[in-house]
Amino acid sequence: MQTNLVQQFANTAEGQEAESILRACVHCGFCTATCPTYQELNDERDGPRGRIYLMKMFLEGEEVTEKSREHLDRCLTCRSCETTCPSGVKYGRLVDISRGLMEKEMPRAPKERWIRWGLGRVIPNRKLFGFLLRMGQFFKPILPGALGAKVPPKKRASPWPASSHSRIVLALAGCAQPSATPNTNAAAARVLDKLGITMVEAPEAGCCGAVNHHLSEHEIALNAMRRNIDAWWPAIDAGAEAIVMTASGCGAMVQDYGHLLKDDPVYAQKAQRVSELCTDLGAFLLKQDLEKLKVHQSPGKVAFHCPCTLQHAMGQSGVVDQVLAKAGIELAQTKDKHLCCGSAGTYSILQPELSQRLLKNKLEALTIDKPDRIVTANIGCQMHLETKSQVPVQHWIELLDN
């Protein structure tokens, strides 16, 4: 693709990166076949190829309207198009750059700004999110149907193992997971303990930065990344062998720390090391001796939902399925595995109508084989699916904690 970026973007690092991504696109259109929003809306502007043209127009100084931004806002950043693209176009990075620049050049209406500002302050704040969630759970019986459905039931964590091993891995508590699904990391720690591995959380580590980054609050996100690197570094220095991610949305972000902080003279080298150590829990377990993890009591037929961040961003499609099968769990048949459930971070709040359509499609795809439960690998997907699912939804690692 030929490009001619305007001077204000052409002379910046982000603009040059965006231009190189644009030039990789050959207009083939394979991406439209696997784009969830294009499949729903059948509008070229709501598919990757059309959005690439809209971003190109903006970066080249052509007039871009609020309608154009609406098409970019509808993008889930699921990155299914990246898995499909034969040219290796880094679409997710392109849309993050373009959205960030567009926020500066085209301020939103006050109401939109306040909503996005609020999301960027509440969700990444573990204590505030936890407090508001507890309030929602307390008042859930009297909340209106649609609002009440968004509040997950209260969950409890199993005890963390008391034993300690020479093999140490780090984990990220994150922002929403400790209060919404507190048993996820506890179950992971217990499973790893069976394998002679100690999993530890760094108390100072917080949100991975994904929420703010995808809301185009890039500097806030970078500061969150720096805080996490500082929190993890003593354990990394002491020989921690991996940073094991139990939420693929966080894993997709942490694996990009090295790229996003590559120009930071203080953190570039450490960020690259963190990205190298980052691995999804399923990929980590697949390298271990899984004989000790055979399930003693069958959970029934299980449908696994592979989050977009796991299969498209982290490139781990089929990995968790292998772990579950090796543990003796019966997997249900599903369809349209590449399509997003509609959670996508703050997407379910900012684009509720389209998000609900995608959720309905996903639940139908996950239940064609009448599973006894649905499992997934990301906190956002888990909370989104259970708002409408007729069968229990949980993190897949809980099945191995028996």
Protein backbone atom coordinates (compact mmCIF):
# COMPACT_ATOMS: atom_id res chain seq x y z
CA MET A 1 0.00 0.00 0.00
CA GLN A 2 1.39 3.40 -0.96
CA THR A 3 1.37 5.98 1.81
CA ASN A 4 1.98 9.70 2.19
CA LEU A 5 1.68 10.62 5.86
CA VAL A 6 1.35 14.27 6.81
CA GLN A 7 4.40 15.85 8.41
CA GLN A 8 3.02 15.92 11.96
CA PHE A 9 2.83 12.11 11.96
CA ALA A 10 5.58 11.20 9.49
CA ASN A 11 8.34 12.53 11.77
CA THR A 12 7.23 10.63 14.88
CA ALA A 13 8.16 7.10 15.97
CA GLU A 14 4.49 6.10 16.15
CA GLY A 15 3.77 7.55 12.71
CA GLN A 16 6.70 5.71 11.17
CA GLU A 17 5.61 2.46 12.78
CA ALA A 18 2.06 2.96 11.51
CA GLU A 19 3.35 3.69 8.02
CA SER A 20 5.38 0.48 7.91
CA ILE A 21 2.29 -1.50 8.97
CA LEU A 22 0.12 0.19 6.35
CA ARG A 23 2.64 -0.60 3.62
CA ALA A 24 2.47 -4.30 4.49
CA CYS A 25 -1.25 -4.48 3.58
CA VAL A 26 -1.96 -5.81 0.06
CA HIS A 27 -5.77 -5.23 0.12
CA CYS A 28 -6.45 -8.99 -0.25
CA GLY A 29 -9.52 -8.95 2.02
CA PHE A 30 -8.89 -12.34 3.65
CA CYS A 31 -9.26 -10.53 6.98
CA THR A 32 -12.92 -9.71 6.38
CA ALA A 33 -13.80 -13.41 6.41
CA THR A 34 -12.73 -13.78 10.05
CA CYS A 35 -13.69 -10.36 11.44
CA PRO A 36 -16.57 -10.64 13.95
CA THR A 37 -17.93 -7.13 13.33
CA TYR A 38 -17.82 -7.48 9.56
CA GLN A 39 -19.67 -10.80 9.83
CA GLU A 40 -22.37 -9.08 11.88
CA LEU A 41 -22.69 -5.77 10.01
CA ASN A 42 -21.54 -6.59 6.45
CA ASP A 43 -20.03 -3.14 6.10
CA GLU A 44 -16.55 -2.81 4.59
CA ARG A 45 -15.83 0.00 7.05
CA ASP A 46 -16.52 -2.40 9.92
CA GLY A 47 -13.88 -4.86 8.73
CA PRO A 48 -10.08 -4.66 9.00
CA ARG A 49 -9.47 -3.69 5.38
CA GLY A 50 -11.97 -0.83 5.52
CA ARG A 51 -10.68 0.36 8.87
CA ILE A 52 -7.13 0.33 7.50
CA TYR A 53 -8.26 2.70 4.75
CA LEU A 54 -9.93 4.97 7.34
CA MET A 55 -6.75 5.04 9.43
CA LYS A 56 -4.67 5.71 6.32
CA MET A 57 -6.94 8.66 5.44
CA PHE A 58 -6.50 10.10 8.92
CA LEU A 59 -2.71 9.69 8.94
CA GLU A 60 -2.49 11.28 5.49
CA GLY A 61 -4.40 14.35 6.64
CA GLU A 62 -7.72 13.72 4.91
CA GLU A 63 -10.94 14.68 6.65
CA VAL A 64 -12.06 12.04 9.11
CA THR A 65 -15.50 12.41 10.69
CA GLU A 66 -17.07 11.11 13.89
CA LYS A 67 -18.70 8.46 11.70
CA SER A 68 -15.25 7.25 10.72
CA ARG A 69 -14.24 7.04 14.36
CA GLU A 70 -17.43 5.09 15.10
CA HIS A 71 -16.21 2.35 12.75
CA LEU A 72 -12.87 2.25 14.60
CA ASP A 73 -14.66 2.21 17.96
CA ARG A 74 -16.61 -0.85 16.82
CA CYS A 75 -13.37 -2.76 16.36
CA LEU A 76 -12.93 -5.31 19.16
CA THR A 77 -9.15 -5.41 18.68
CA CYS A 78 -9.61 -9.19 18.78
CA ARG A 79 -6.80 -9.51 16.20
CA SER A 80 -8.47 -12.41 14.42
CA CYS A 81 -7.48 -10.59 11.24
CA GLU A 82 -3.81 -10.93 12.21
CA THR A 83 -4.13 -14.71 12.41
CA THR A 84 -5.71 -14.72 8.95
CA CYS A 85 -3.48 -12.14 7.23
CA PRO A 86 -1.00 -13.71 4.76
CA SER A 87 1.11 -10.52 4.79
CA GLY A 88 1.62 -10.32 8.54
CA VAL A 89 -0.06 -6.93 8.96
CA LYS A 90 0.14 -5.92 12.65
CA TYR A 91 -3.38 -4.57 12.70
CA GLY A 92 -3.73 -4.43 16.49
CA ARG A 93 -0.72 -2.17 16.81
CA LEU A 94 -1.93 0.02 13.94
CA VAL A 95 -5.34 0.57 15.48
CA ASP A 96 -3.83 1.38 18.89
CA ILE A 97 -1.55 3.99 17.34
CA SER A 98 -4.28 5.51 15.19
CA ARG A 99 -6.83 5.66 17.99
CA GLY A 100 -4.28 7.33 20.27
CA LEU A 101 -3.43 9.99 17.71
CA MET A 102 -7.08 10.51 16.86
CA GLU A 103 -7.95 11.14 20.52
CA LYS A 104 -5.47 14.03 20.51
CA GLU A 105 -6.57 15.47 17.18
CA MET A 106 -10.33 14.93 17.52
CA PRO A 107 -11.54 15.39 21.13
CA ARG A 108 -14.70 13.44 21.92
CA ALA A 109 -17.98 14.83 23.18
CA PRO A 110 -17.93 15.53 26.95
CA LYS A 111 -20.19 12.58 27.84
CA GLU A 112 -17.97 10.10 25.97
CA ARG A 113 -14.84 11.57 27.52
CA TRP A 114 -16.25 11.22 31.03
CA ILE A 115 -17.36 7.63 30.50
CA ARG A 116 -13.99 6.59 29.13
CA TRP A 117 -12.17 8.55 31.84
CA GLY A 118 -14.25 6.77 34.49
CA LEU A 119 -13.55 3.33 33.06
CA GLY A 120 -9.85 4.11 32.97
CA ARG A 121 -9.89 5.07 36.68
CA VAL A 122 -12.19 2.39 38.10
CA ILE A 123 -11.27 -0.89 36.40
CA PRO A 124 -7.46 -0.71 36.77
CA ASN A 125 -7.80 0.34 40.44
CA ARG A 126 -7.95 -2.99 42.27
CA LYS A 127 -9.27 -1.60 45.57
CA LEU A 128 -11.87 0.69 44.01
CA PHE A 129 -13.07 -1.99 41.59
CA GLY A 130 -13.30 -4.50 44.42
CA PHE A 131 -15.30 -2.12 46.60
CA LEU A 132 -17.75 -1.26 43.82
CA LEU A 133 -18.11 -4.95 42.94
CA ARG A 134 -18.95 -5.83 46.56
CA MET A 135 -21.53 -3.05 46.60
CA GLY A 136 -23.02 -4.37 43.37
CA GLN A 137 -23.17 -7.90 44.74
CA PHE A 138 -24.88 -6.65 47.92
CA PHE A 139 -27.55 -4.77 45.97
CA LYS A 140 -27.79 -7.31 43.12
CA PRO A 141 -31.27 -8.59 44.16
CA ILE A 142 -32.80 -5.14 43.65
CA LEU A 143 -30.83 -4.03 40.60
CA PRO A 144 -32.62 -3.79 37.21
CA GLY A 145 -32.32 -6.98 35.13
CA ALA A 146 -29.71 -5.86 32.61
CA LEU A 147 -27.55 -4.17 35.25
CA GLY A 148 -27.93 -6.98 37.76
CA ALA A 149 -26.88 -9.54 35.16
CA LYS A 150 -23.53 -7.76 34.77
CA VAL A 151 -22.70 -8.25 38.45
CA PRO A 152 -21.04 -11.65 38.94
CA PRO A 153 -21.95 -13.76 41.96
CA LYS A 154 -19.58 -13.65 44.90
CA LYS A 155 -16.81 -16.24 44.67
CA ARG A 156 -14.31 -17.55 47.21
CA ALA A 157 -10.71 -18.65 46.80
CA SER A 158 -9.29 -21.99 47.84
CA PRO A 159 -6.31 -21.75 50.24
CA TRP A 160 -2.91 -21.09 48.71
CA PRO A 161 -0.40 -23.91 49.26
CA ALA A 162 1.84 -23.51 52.31
CA SER A 163 4.77 -25.46 50.88
CA SER A 164 7.71 -23.87 49.08
CA HIS A 165 9.81 -25.19 46.21
CA SER A 166 13.08 -24.30 44.53
CA ARG A 167 11.29 -23.60 41.25
CA ILE A 168 9.62 -20.18 41.41
CA VAL A 169 7.26 -18.51 38.93
CA LEU A 170 5.63 -15.11 39.15
CA ALA A 171 1.94 -14.38 38.70
CA LEU A 172 -0.03 -11.18 38.21
CA ALA A 173 -3.00 -10.60 40.49
CA GLY A 174 -4.24 -7.89 38.14
CA CYS A 175 -7.10 -5.50 38.78
CA ALA A 176 -10.49 -7.22 38.37
CA GLN A 177 -9.52 -10.85 38.95
CA PRO A 178 -8.73 -10.71 42.71
CA SER A 179 -12.27 -9.62 43.59
CA ALA A 180 -14.31 -11.03 40.70
CA THR A 181 -12.71 -14.49 40.38
CA PRO A 182 -10.34 -14.84 43.36
CA ASN A 183 -10.00 -18.60 42.99
CA THR A 184 -8.22 -18.39 39.62
CA ASN A 185 -4.73 -17.64 40.90
CA ALA A 186 -5.28 -19.72 44.05
CA ALA A 187 -6.21 -22.75 41.93
CA ALA A 188 -3.22 -22.15 39.65
CA ALA A 189 -0.90 -21.99 42.68
CA ARG A 190 -2.30 -25.28 44.02
CA VAL A 191 -1.94 -27.02 40.65
CA LEU A 192 1.64 -25.80 40.23
CA ASP A 193 2.40 -26.88 43.79
CA LYS A 194 1.58 -30.46 42.77
CA LEU A 195 4.30 -30.14 40.14
CA GLY A 196 6.87 -28.86 42.61
CA ILE A 197 6.59 -25.22 41.54
CA THR A 198 5.86 -22.24 43.77
CA MET A 199 3.79 -19.43 42.29
CA VAL A 200 4.07 -16.01 43.93
CA GLU A 201 2.36 -12.68 43.38
CA ALA A 202 4.26 -9.43 43.81
CA PRO A 203 1.98 -7.30 46.03
CA GLU A 204 3.11 -4.06 44.38
CA ALA A 205 2.16 -5.26 40.88
CA GLY A 206 -1.21 -4.00 39.67
CA CYS A 207 -3.09 -3.61 36.40
CA CYS A 208 -1.11 -4.81 33.39
CA GLY A 209 -1.92 -1.57 31.57
CA ALA A 210 -4.28 -3.02 28.97
CA VAL A 211 -7.40 -1.10 30.00
CA ASN A 212 -5.76 2.32 29.79
CA HIS A 213 -3.76 1.38 26.70
CA HIS A 214 -6.84 0.37 24.73
CA LEU A 215 -8.66 3.50 25.91
CA SER A 216 -5.80 5.45 24.28
CA GLU A 217 -4.39 6.58 27.64
CA HIS A 218 -0.98 5.40 26.58
CA GLU A 219 1.22 7.24 29.08
CA ILE A 220 -0.88 6.00 32.01
CA ALA A 221 -0.56 2.48 30.62
CA LEU A 222 3.22 2.80 30.25
CA ASN A 223 3.51 3.91 33.87
CA ALA A 224 1.52 0.84 34.95
CA MET A 225 3.97 -1.31 32.99
CA ARG A 226 6.94 0.35 34.68
CA ARG A 227 5.42 -0.26 38.13
CA ASN A 228 4.93 -3.93 37.36
CA ILE A 229 8.49 -4.30 36.09
CA ASP A 230 9.77 -2.73 39.30
CA ALA A 231 7.57 -5.04 41.38
CA TRP A 232 8.70 -8.19 39.55
CA TRP A 233 12.37 -7.37 39.13
CA PRO A 234 13.69 -8.57 42.52
CA ALA A 235 12.16 -12.02 41.92
CA ILE A 236 13.44 -12.07 38.33
CA ASP A 237 16.89 -11.15 39.61
CA ALA A 238 16.61 -13.99 42.12
CA GLY A 239 15.93 -16.52 39.37
CA ALA A 240 12.16 -16.72 38.79
CA GLU A 241 11.84 -18.86 35.68
CA ALA A 242 8.66 -17.40 34.20
CA ILE A 243 5.84 -14.91 34.60
CA VAL A 244 2.83 -17.19 34.28
CA MET A 245 -0.32 -15.39 33.15
CA THR A 246 -3.70 -16.72 34.26
CA ALA A 247 -5.57 -14.02 32.31
CA SER A 248 -4.75 -14.02 28.62
CA GLY A 249 -5.81 -10.39 28.27
CA CYS A 250 -3.00 -9.47 30.65
CA GLY A 251 -0.65 -11.92 28.96
CA ALA A 252 -1.19 -10.28 25.59
CA MET A 253 -0.28 -6.93 27.12
CA VAL A 254 2.74 -8.08 29.14
CA GLN A 255 4.27 -9.86 26.14
CA ASP A 256 4.31 -6.44 24.42
CA TYR A 257 6.11 -4.59 27.24
CA GLY A 258 9.42 -4.96 25.44
CA HIS A 259 8.08 -3.34 22.27
CA LEU A 260 6.10 -0.59 23.96
CA LEU A 261 9.01 0.44 26.20
CA LYS A 262 11.78 -0.10 23.66
CA ASP A 263 12.63 3.61 23.58
CA ASP A 264 12.69 4.02 27.36
CA PRO A 265 16.37 4.32 28.37
CA VAL A 266 15.67 3.10 31.92
CA TYR A 267 13.19 0.29 31.28
CA ALA A 268 13.83 -0.96 27.73
CA GLN A 269 16.15 -3.83 28.70
CA LYS A 270 14.09 -4.90 31.70
CA ALA A 271 10.85 -4.69 29.70
CA GLN A 272 12.31 -6.96 27.04
CA ARG A 273 13.30 -9.48 29.70
CA VAL A 274 9.80 -9.38 31.21
CA SER A 275 8.25 -10.02 27.79
CA GLU A 276 10.59 -12.97 27.26
CA LEU A 277 9.58 -14.47 30.61
CA CYS A 278 5.85 -13.94 30.00
CA THR A 279 3.96 -17.13 29.19
CA ASP A 280 0.36 -18.28 29.38
CA LEU A 281 -0.48 -20.81 32.07
CA GLY A 282 -1.53 -23.41 29.49
CA ALA A 283 1.71 -23.13 27.53
CA PHE A 284 3.72 -23.40 30.76
CA LEU A 285 1.85 -26.49 31.94
CA LEU A 286 2.14 -28.21 28.58
CA LYS A 287 5.92 -28.35 29.10
CA GLN A 288 5.54 -30.10 32.49
CA ASP A 289 4.86 -33.70 33.47
CA LEU A 290 1.06 -33.69 33.54
CA GLU A 291 0.62 -37.22 34.91
CA LYS A 292 0.20 -35.72 38.39
CA LEU A 293 -2.73 -33.62 37.18
CA LYS A 294 -5.08 -36.38 36.08
CA VAL A 295 -8.57 -35.50 37.33
CA HIS A 296 -10.05 -37.82 39.93
CA GLN A 297 -13.64 -36.71 39.53
CA SER A 298 -15.01 -35.94 36.08
CA PRO A 299 -16.39 -32.40 35.68
CA GLY A 300 -18.56 -33.70 32.84
CA LYS A 301 -18.37 -32.55 29.26
CA VAL A 302 -16.46 -29.26 29.03
CA ALA A 303 -16.64 -26.60 26.31
CA PHE A 304 -13.49 -24.49 26.15
CA HIS A 305 -13.73 -20.90 24.95
CA CYS A 306 -10.32 -19.77 23.72
CA PRO A 307 -10.13 -15.98 24.26
CA CYS A 308 -9.04 -13.82 21.34
CA THR A 309 -6.07 -12.63 23.38
CA LEU A 310 -4.92 -16.23 23.80
CA GLN A 311 -5.36 -17.50 20.25
CA HIS A 312 -4.71 -14.38 18.18
CA ALA A 313 -2.47 -12.14 20.32
CA MET A 314 -0.48 -14.83 22.16
CA GLY A 315 -0.68 -17.43 19.39
CA GLN A 316 -1.72 -20.23 21.77
CA SER A 317 -4.68 -21.74 19.94
CA GLY A 318 -5.22 -25.38 20.91
CA VAL A 319 -2.76 -25.36 23.82
CA VAL A 320 -5.25 -25.40 26.70
CA ASP A 321 -7.27 -28.04 24.86
CA GLN A 322 -4.18 -30.28 24.90
CA VAL A 323 -3.62 -29.72 28.62
CA LEU A 324 -7.24 -30.54 29.45
CA ALA A 325 -7.22 -33.64 27.25
CA LYS A 326 -3.98 -34.89 28.87
CA ALA A 327 -5.65 -34.43 32.26
CA GLY A 328 -8.47 -36.74 31.16
CA ILE A 329 -11.19 -34.12 30.67
CA GLU A 330 -13.82 -34.72 27.99
CA LEU A 331 -14.00 -31.75 25.65
CA ALA A 332 -17.27 -30.77 23.99
CA GLN A 333 -17.44 -29.86 20.32
CA THR A 334 -17.75 -26.14 19.55
CA LYS A 335 -17.82 -24.00 16.41
CA ASP A 336 -16.61 -20.59 15.23
CA LYS A 337 -13.70 -20.74 17.67
CA HIS A 338 -11.99 -17.77 16.03
CA LEU A 339 -14.85 -15.35 16.74
CA CYS A 340 -14.91 -13.02 19.76
CA CYS A 341 -17.39 -13.36 22.62
CA GLY A 342 -17.89 -9.57 22.69
CA SER A 343 -16.19 -8.85 26.01
CA ALA A 344 -12.99 -7.24 24.70
CA GLY A 345 -12.02 -5.24 27.78
CA THR A 346 -14.34 -2.22 28.00
CA TYR A 347 -16.08 -3.04 24.69
CA SER A 348 -19.10 -4.64 26.38
CA ILE A 349 -19.72 -1.33 28.15
CA LEU A 350 -18.91 1.06 25.30
CA GLN A 351 -20.58 -1.01 22.54
CA PRO A 352 -23.33 -2.89 24.41
CA GLU A 353 -25.64 -3.73 21.50
CA LEU A 354 -22.99 -5.27 19.28
CA SER A 355 -21.35 -6.93 22.26
CA GLN A 356 -24.60 -8.67 23.16
CA ARG A 357 -25.06 -9.93 19.61
CA LEU A 358 -21.58 -11.43 19.68
CA LEU A 359 -22.24 -12.94 23.11
CA LYS A 360 -25.41 -14.63 21.89
CA ASN A 361 -23.54 -16.09 18.90
CA LYS A 362 -20.68 -17.29 21.09
CA LEU A 363 -22.89 -19.04 23.62
CA GLU A 364 -24.73 -20.81 20.81
CA ALA A 365 -21.39 -21.88 19.35
CA LEU A 366 -20.15 -23.15 22.72
CA THR A 367 -23.25 -25.16 23.59
CA ILE A 368 -23.96 -27.09 20.37
CA ASP A 369 -22.68 -30.27 22.06
CA LYS A 370 -24.65 -29.67 25.29
CA PRO A 371 -21.67 -29.23 27.65
CA ASP A 372 -21.98 -29.44 31.42
CA ARG A 373 -19.82 -26.36 31.85
CA ILE A 374 -17.90 -23.72 29.91
CA VAL A 375 -14.32 -22.82 30.76
CA THR A 376 -12.14 -20.02 29.50
CA ALA A 377 -8.74 -18.42 30.09
CA ASN A 378 -9.50 -14.75 30.63
CA ILE A 379 -11.31 -12.87 33.39
CA GLY A 380 -13.17 -10.56 31.01
CA CYS A 381 -14.52 -13.42 28.91
CA GLN A 382 -15.48 -15.38 32.01
CA MET A 383 -17.51 -12.52 33.47
CA HIS A 384 -19.11 -11.71 30.11
CA LEU A 385 -20.10 -15.29 29.29
CA GLU A 386 -21.64 -15.99 32.67
CA THR A 387 -24.04 -13.03 32.35
CA LYS A 388 -26.14 -15.06 29.88
CA SER A 389 -24.87 -18.64 30.07
CA GLN A 390 -27.28 -21.38 31.15
CA VAL A 391 -24.37 -23.59 32.27
CA PRO A 392 -21.62 -22.75 34.80
CA VAL A 393 -18.64 -20.72 33.56
CA GLN A 394 -15.22 -20.83 35.22
CA HIS A 395 -11.49 -20.63 34.56
CA TRP A 396 -10.15 -23.87 33.13
CA ILE A 397 -7.41 -24.23 35.76
CA GLU A 398 -10.08 -24.85 38.41
CA LEU A 399 -10.85 -28.19 36.75
CA LEU A 400 -7.32 -29.41 37.53
CA ASP A 401 -7.46 -28.28 41.15
CA ASN A 402 -8.90 -31.47 42.60
